[in-house]
Amino acid sequence: MAMAEEPLLSIGRMLLIAGLGLAVLGGLLLLSVRFPWLGELPGDFHWQGERGRVYVPLGTMIVLSIVLTILLNVLLWIWRG
């Protein structure tokens, strides 16, 4: 393999991983419609005033963080096997 091909291979791998990540994220966004309680958990704060609204989904962020951390750890455990 020539020296000029090595950076192209790493860039290609990064682009594939980024594309797969975006595809997974898009799929999750499409599936989020099936979970109407997501965003209405205890700890999700809504403020509405005369000049606008503020929404802080703290409870949802904590739940998603825990679920994604467990999922990622299981996948890495399986991958390292």
Protein backbone atom coordinates (compact mmCIF):
# COMPACT_ATOMS: atom_id res chain seq x y z
CA MET A 1 0.00 0.00 0.00
CA ALA A 2 1.33 3.43 -0.88
CA MET A 3 1.76 6.13 1.74
CA ALA A 4 -0.83 8.35 0.05
CA GLU A 5 -3.54 5.70 0.41
CA GLU A 6 -3.34 5.42 4.21
CA PRO A 7 -4.93 8.84 4.98
CA LEU A 8 -7.66 8.10 2.43
CA LEU A 9 -8.48 4.82 4.15
CA SER A 10 -8.78 6.46 7.56
CA ILE A 11 -10.93 9.27 6.16
CA GLY A 12 -13.11 6.72 4.40
CA ARG A 13 -13.58 4.75 7.62
CA MET A 14 -14.46 7.90 9.56
CA LEU A 15 -17.02 8.90 6.93
CA LEU A 16 -18.60 5.44 7.01
CA ILE A 17 -18.83 5.47 10.79
CA ALA A 18 -20.27 9.00 10.77
CA GLY A 19 -22.81 7.99 8.10
CA LEU A 20 -23.87 4.91 10.04
CA GLY A 21 -24.17 7.02 13.19
CA LEU A 22 -26.38 9.53 11.39
CA ALA A 23 -28.53 6.72 9.98
CA VAL A 24 -29.00 5.25 13.45
CA LEU A 25 -29.81 8.68 14.87
CA GLY A 26 -32.35 9.27 12.09
CA GLY A 27 -33.96 5.91 12.80
CA LEU A 28 -34.19 6.74 16.50
CA LEU A 29 -35.82 10.07 15.68
CA LEU A 30 -38.36 8.30 13.48
CA LEU A 31 -39.10 5.80 16.25
CA SER A 32 -39.41 8.52 18.90
CA VAL A 33 -42.95 9.25 17.68
CA ARG A 34 -43.97 5.87 19.10
CA PHE A 35 -42.91 6.97 22.59
CA PRO A 36 -45.17 9.94 23.42
CA TRP A 37 -44.13 9.83 27.11
CA LEU A 38 -40.58 10.72 26.07
CA GLY A 39 -40.23 14.37 26.98
CA GLU A 40 -43.03 14.23 29.55
CA LEU A 41 -41.09 12.50 32.32
CA PRO A 42 -40.79 13.84 35.86
CA GLY A 43 -37.88 16.25 35.82
CA ASP A 44 -38.73 17.69 32.39
CA PHE A 45 -39.29 21.38 32.99
CA HIS A 46 -41.53 23.73 30.98
CA TRP A 47 -41.68 27.48 31.46
CA GLN A 48 -43.87 29.78 29.44
CA GLY A 49 -43.87 33.52 29.71
CA GLU A 50 -45.02 36.48 27.71
CA ARG A 51 -41.92 36.53 25.52
CA GLY A 52 -41.39 32.84 24.88
CA ARG A 53 -41.11 29.29 26.13
CA VAL A 54 -38.27 27.31 27.68
CA TYR A 55 -38.18 23.52 27.73
CA VAL A 56 -35.49 21.61 29.67
CA PRO A 57 -35.88 17.82 29.27
CA LEU A 58 -33.67 16.94 32.26
CA GLY A 59 -35.49 13.72 33.19
CA THR A 60 -35.50 12.50 29.59
CA MET A 61 -31.79 13.29 29.19
CA ILE A 62 -30.95 11.30 32.33
CA VAL A 63 -33.01 8.28 31.24
CA LEU A 64 -31.56 8.32 27.71
CA SER A 65 -28.04 8.69 29.08
CA ILE A 66 -28.45 5.65 31.34
CA VAL A 67 -30.03 3.52 28.59
CA LEU A 68 -27.41 4.48 25.98
CA THR A 69 -24.55 3.92 28.45
CA ILE A 70 -25.81 0.41 29.24
CA LEU A 71 -26.35 -0.35 25.55
CA LEU A 72 -22.89 0.89 24.56
CA ASN A 73 -21.21 -1.07 27.37
CA VAL A 74 -23.01 -4.27 26.34
CA LEU A 75 -22.04 -3.76 22.68
CA LEU A 76 -18.40 -3.10 23.59
CA TRP A 77 -18.39 -6.15 25.88
CA ILE A 78 -19.73 -8.32 23.04
CA TRP A 79 -17.34 -6.80 20.49
CA ARG A 80 -14.25 -7.36 22.66
CA GLY A 81 -15.57 -10.82 23.42
